Amino acid sequence: MAITSGVDHVGLAVRDLPETRKFFTDILGFEEVGGVPDYPASFVSDGTIMITLWQTEDDPFAFDRMAQIGLHHLALRVESLDKLQQLFQTLENTPDVLIECPPVALESGNGTHFMSLEPGGIRIEFITRETKIIPLEMPGKKP
């Protein structure tokens, strides 16, 4: 049996604290639950996980997931396929959010996800464990 029991919180160093906080609170519906003004830092939560956002110093360099050790991405679960699609459409129309790929089924077949970068450059995966199964039409067969 593991000695730990889940993730308590995730701390992210961000390029623009106000923009990243706004992304989590205004777009994703997180609540700001605390912070450290002198750092500066802001703590946000969706009621399940807390994310601590820490302002970097001037001129931070972006993380290269292929060349550096560190957080590859943050994966946030979405309740349903419909909500995942709604979120994708919202983010697609949100300035300064980069979509890496549209919603696609996982190769394992146990979910659907899409990848994005929030305005501060943090790579976030949004995932639901629902997968839309589209029946294939067999040649020569009529339904």
C-alpha atoms as a PDB file:
ATOM      1  CA  MET A   1       0.000   0.000   0.000  1.00  0.00           C
ATOM      2  CA  ALA A   2       1.323   3.446  -0.938  1.00  0.00           C
ATOM      3  CA  ILE A   3       2.356   5.791   1.837  1.00  0.00           C
ATOM      4  CA  THR A   4       0.737   8.752   0.033  1.00  0.00           C
ATOM      5  CA  SER A   5      -2.961   9.263  -0.686  1.00  0.00           C
ATOM      6  CA  GLY A   6      -3.298  11.515  -3.717  1.00  0.00           C
ATOM      7  CA  VAL A   7      -2.294  14.975  -4.849  1.00  0.00           C
ATOM      8  CA  ASP A   8      -2.814  17.726  -2.280  1.00  0.00           C
ATOM      9  CA  HIS A   9      -1.987  20.617  -4.609  1.00  0.00           C
ATOM     10  CA  VAL A  10       0.068  21.502  -7.666  1.00  0.00           C
ATOM     11  CA  GLY A  11       2.340  24.555  -7.712  1.00  0.00           C
ATOM     12  CA  LEU A  12       2.917  26.316 -11.024  1.00  0.00           C
ATOM     13  CA  ALA A  13       5.401  29.108 -11.747  1.00  0.00           C
ATOM     14  CA  VAL A  14       3.629  31.460 -14.156  1.00  0.00           C
ATOM     15  CA  ARG A  15       4.711  34.319 -16.394  1.00  0.00           C
ATOM     16  CA  ASP A  16       1.677  36.557 -15.739  1.00  0.00           C
ATOM     17  CA  LEU A  17      -0.099  35.912 -12.433  1.00  0.00           C
ATOM     18  CA  PRO A  18      -3.170  38.124 -13.080  1.00  0.00           C
ATOM     19  CA  GLU A  19      -3.778  36.571 -16.532  1.00  0.00           C
ATOM     20  CA  THR A  20      -3.297  33.005 -15.315  1.00  0.00           C
ATOM     21  CA  ARG A  21      -5.503  33.593 -12.250  1.00  0.00           C
ATOM     22  CA  LYS A  22      -8.171  35.073 -14.558  1.00  0.00           C
ATOM     23  CA  PHE A  23      -7.925  31.990 -16.828  1.00  0.00           C
ATOM     24  CA  PHE A  24      -8.543  29.639 -13.907  1.00  0.00           C
ATOM     25  CA  THR A  25     -11.275  31.726 -12.229  1.00  0.00           C
ATOM     26  CA  ASP A  26     -13.127  33.354 -15.148  1.00  0.00           C
ATOM     27  CA  ILE A  27     -12.792  30.635 -17.800  1.00  0.00           C
ATOM     28  CA  LEU A  28     -12.576  27.406 -15.773  1.00  0.00           C
ATOM     29  CA  GLY A  29     -14.717  28.518 -12.813  1.00  0.00           C
ATOM     30  CA  PHE A  30     -12.106  27.942 -10.093  1.00  0.00           C
ATOM     31  CA  GLU A  31     -12.406  29.931  -6.862  1.00  0.00           C
ATOM     32  CA  GLU A  32      -9.526  31.980  -5.505  1.00  0.00           C
ATOM     33  CA  VAL A  33      -8.960  30.514  -2.026  1.00  0.00           C
ATOM     34  CA  GLY A  34      -5.837  32.323  -0.862  1.00  0.00           C
ATOM     35  CA  GLY A  35      -2.493  33.712  -1.792  1.00  0.00           C
ATOM     36  CA  VAL A  36       0.735  35.359  -0.738  1.00  0.00           C
ATOM     37  CA  PRO A  37       0.689  39.000  -1.917  1.00  0.00           C
ATOM     38  CA  ASP A  38       4.364  39.587  -1.086  1.00  0.00           C
ATOM     39  CA  TYR A  39       5.582  36.697  -3.273  1.00  0.00           C
ATOM     40  CA  PRO A  40       3.228  37.219  -5.269  1.00  0.00           C
ATOM     41  CA  ALA A  41       1.148  34.052  -5.439  1.00  0.00           C
ATOM     42  CA  SER A  42      -2.497  33.100  -5.800  1.00  0.00           C
ATOM     43  CA  PHE A  43      -4.203  29.852  -4.777  1.00  0.00           C
ATOM     44  CA  VAL A  44      -7.182  28.603  -6.803  1.00  0.00           C
ATOM     45  CA  SER A  45      -9.386  25.540  -6.407  1.00  0.00           C
ATOM     46  CA  ASP A  46     -12.164  23.725  -8.241  1.00  0.00           C
ATOM     47  CA  GLY A  47     -13.246  22.079  -4.975  1.00  0.00           C
ATOM     48  CA  THR A  48     -11.235  18.950  -5.715  1.00  0.00           C
ATOM     49  CA  ILE A  49      -7.693  20.190  -6.305  1.00  0.00           C
ATOM     50  CA  MET A  50      -5.849  23.338  -5.312  1.00  0.00           C
ATOM     51  CA  ILE A  51      -3.383  24.930  -7.694  1.00  0.00           C
ATOM     52  CA  THR A  52      -0.881  27.438  -6.390  1.00  0.00           C
ATOM     53  CA  LEU A  53       0.183  30.007  -8.974  1.00  0.00           C
ATOM     54  CA  TRP A  54       3.546  31.660  -8.359  1.00  0.00           C
ATOM     55  CA  GLN A  55       4.692  34.753 -10.287  1.00  0.00           C
ATOM     56  CA  THR A  56       8.107  34.331 -11.922  1.00  0.00           C
ATOM     57  CA  GLU A  57      10.676  37.099 -12.149  1.00  0.00           C
ATOM     58  CA  ASP A  58      11.048  39.217 -15.293  1.00  0.00           C
ATOM     59  CA  ASP A  59      11.988  37.447 -18.538  1.00  0.00           C
ATOM     60  CA  PRO A  60      11.309  33.824 -17.559  1.00  0.00           C
ATOM     61  CA  PHE A  61      12.195  31.201 -20.140  1.00  0.00           C
ATOM     62  CA  ALA A  62       9.579  28.720 -21.273  1.00  0.00           C
ATOM     63  CA  PHE A  63       9.819  25.083 -20.226  1.00  0.00           C
ATOM     64  CA  ASP A  64      10.876  22.734 -23.014  1.00  0.00           C
ATOM     65  CA  ARG A  65       9.111  19.419 -22.327  1.00  0.00           C
ATOM     66  CA  MET A  66      11.487  17.541 -24.621  1.00  0.00           C
ATOM     67  CA  ALA A  67      14.745  18.906 -23.158  1.00  0.00           C
ATOM     68  CA  GLN A  68      14.180  19.646 -19.463  1.00  0.00           C
ATOM     69  CA  ILE A  69      13.135  17.781 -16.371  1.00  0.00           C
ATOM     70  CA  GLY A  70       9.936  19.134 -14.833  1.00  0.00           C
ATOM     71  CA  LEU A  71       6.189  19.213 -15.205  1.00  0.00           C
ATOM     72  CA  HIS A  72       5.278  17.978 -18.701  1.00  0.00           C
ATOM     73  CA  HIS A  73       1.637  19.097 -18.379  1.00  0.00           C
ATOM     74  CA  LEU A  74      -1.229  19.438 -15.941  1.00  0.00           C
ATOM     75  CA  ALA A  75      -4.257  17.223 -16.682  1.00  0.00           C
ATOM     76  CA  LEU A  76      -7.654  18.408 -15.458  1.00  0.00           C
ATOM     77  CA  ARG A  77     -10.656  16.111 -15.620  1.00  0.00           C
ATOM     78  CA  VAL A  78     -13.891  17.338 -17.207  1.00  0.00           C
ATOM     79  CA  GLU A  79     -17.209  15.754 -16.231  1.00  0.00           C
ATOM     80  CA  SER A  80     -18.500  14.742 -19.669  1.00  0.00           C
ATOM     81  CA  LEU A  81     -17.844  14.714 -23.382  1.00  0.00           C
ATOM     82  CA  ASP A  82     -20.386  17.528 -23.860  1.00  0.00           C
ATOM     83  CA  LYS A  83     -18.622  19.717 -21.279  1.00  0.00           C
ATOM     84  CA  LEU A  84     -15.242  18.923 -22.837  1.00  0.00           C
ATOM     85  CA  GLN A  85     -16.542  20.076 -26.235  1.00  0.00           C
ATOM     86  CA  GLN A  86     -18.038  23.240 -24.700  1.00  0.00           C
ATOM     87  CA  LEU A  87     -14.744  24.023 -22.976  1.00  0.00           C
ATOM     88  CA  PHE A  88     -12.835  23.428 -26.202  1.00  0.00           C
ATOM     89  CA  GLN A  89     -15.076  25.897 -28.051  1.00  0.00           C
ATOM     90  CA  THR A  90     -14.666  28.459 -25.252  1.00  0.00           C
ATOM     91  CA  LEU A  91     -10.881  28.158 -25.225  1.00  0.00           C
ATOM     92  CA  GLU A  92     -10.704  28.203 -29.016  1.00  0.00           C
ATOM     93  CA  ASN A  93     -12.238  31.697 -28.826  1.00  0.00           C
ATOM     94  CA  THR A  94     -10.237  32.915 -25.819  1.00  0.00           C
ATOM     95  CA  PRO A  95      -7.412  35.337 -26.652  1.00  0.00           C
ATOM     96  CA  ASP A  96      -3.888  34.183 -25.777  1.00  0.00           C
ATOM     97  CA  VAL A  97      -4.923  30.524 -25.350  1.00  0.00           C
ATOM     98  CA  LEU A  98      -3.150  28.175 -27.740  1.00  0.00           C
ATOM     99  CA  ILE A  99      -4.858  24.911 -28.680  1.00  0.00           C
ATOM    100  CA  GLU A 100      -2.331  22.161 -29.452  1.00  0.00           C
ATOM    101  CA  CYS A 101      -4.899  19.637 -30.636  1.00  0.00           C
ATOM    102  CA  PRO A 102      -8.700  19.397 -30.776  1.00  0.00           C
ATOM    103  CA  PRO A 103     -10.617  16.779 -28.766  1.00  0.00           C
ATOM    104  CA  VAL A 104      -9.557  13.289 -29.796  1.00  0.00           C
ATOM    105  CA  ALA A 105     -10.047   9.828 -28.336  1.00  0.00           C
ATOM    106  CA  LEU A 106      -7.113   8.476 -26.366  1.00  0.00           C
ATOM    107  CA  GLU A 107      -5.261   5.666 -28.103  1.00  0.00           C
ATOM    108  CA  SER A 108      -6.064   3.445 -25.114  1.00  0.00           C
ATOM    109  CA  GLY A 109      -9.770   4.002 -25.806  1.00  0.00           C
ATOM    110  CA  ASN A 110     -10.550   5.061 -22.239  1.00  0.00           C
ATOM    111  CA  GLY A 111     -11.271   8.732 -22.758  1.00  0.00           C
ATOM    112  CA  THR A 112     -11.197  11.870 -24.877  1.00  0.00           C
ATOM    113  CA  HIS A 113      -8.883  14.838 -24.408  1.00  0.00           C
ATOM    114  CA  PHE A 114      -7.389  17.986 -25.868  1.00  0.00           C
ATOM    115  CA  MET A 115      -4.201  19.902 -25.136  1.00  0.00           C
ATOM    116  CA  SER A 116      -3.796  23.643 -24.708  1.00  0.00           C
ATOM    117  CA  LEU A 117      -1.507  26.321 -23.341  1.00  0.00           C
ATOM    118  CA  GLU A 118      -3.078  28.863 -21.010  1.00  0.00           C
ATOM    119  CA  PRO A 119      -2.132  32.546 -21.509  1.00  0.00           C
ATOM    120  CA  GLY A 120       0.947  32.198 -19.287  1.00  0.00           C
ATOM    121  CA  GLY A 121       2.297  29.249 -21.266  1.00  0.00           C
ATOM    122  CA  ILE A 122       1.444  26.344 -18.925  1.00  0.00           C
ATOM    123  CA  ARG A 123       0.504  23.217 -20.907  1.00  0.00           C
ATOM    124  CA  ILE A 124      -2.886  21.883 -19.763  1.00  0.00           C
ATOM    125  CA  GLU A 125      -4.665  18.734 -20.850  1.00  0.00           C
ATOM    126  CA  PHE A 126      -8.442  18.610 -20.422  1.00  0.00           C
ATOM    127  CA  ILE A 127      -9.754  15.057 -20.279  1.00  0.00           C
ATOM    128  CA  THR A 128     -12.961  13.125 -19.797  1.00  0.00           C
ATOM    129  CA  ARG A 129     -13.137   9.383 -19.405  1.00  0.00           C
ATOM    130  CA  GLU A 130     -16.076   9.308 -21.818  1.00  0.00           C
ATOM    131  CA  THR A 131     -15.377   8.304 -25.391  1.00  0.00           C
ATOM    132  CA  LYS A 132     -17.836   8.790 -28.205  1.00  0.00           C
ATOM    133  CA  ILE A 133     -18.085   5.564 -30.150  1.00  0.00           C
ATOM    134  CA  ILE A 134     -19.091   6.069 -33.748  1.00  0.00           C
ATOM    135  CA  PRO A 135     -20.377   2.861 -35.342  1.00  0.00           C
ATOM    136  CA  LEU A 136     -18.576   1.958 -38.544  1.00  0.00           C
ATOM    137  CA  GLU A 137     -20.647   1.197 -41.591  1.00  0.00           C
ATOM    138  CA  MET A 138     -19.806  -2.148 -43.083  1.00  0.00           C
ATOM    139  CA  PRO A 139     -19.565  -2.204 -46.881  1.00  0.00           C
ATOM    140  CA  GLY A 140     -22.617  -3.772 -48.484  1.00  0.00           C
ATOM    141  CA  LYS A 141     -24.651  -3.783 -45.263  1.00  0.00           C
ATOM    142  CA  LYS A 142     -27.661  -1.550 -44.775  1.00  0.00           C
ATOM    143  CA  PRO A 143     -28.929  -0.653 -41.307  1.00  0.00           C
END
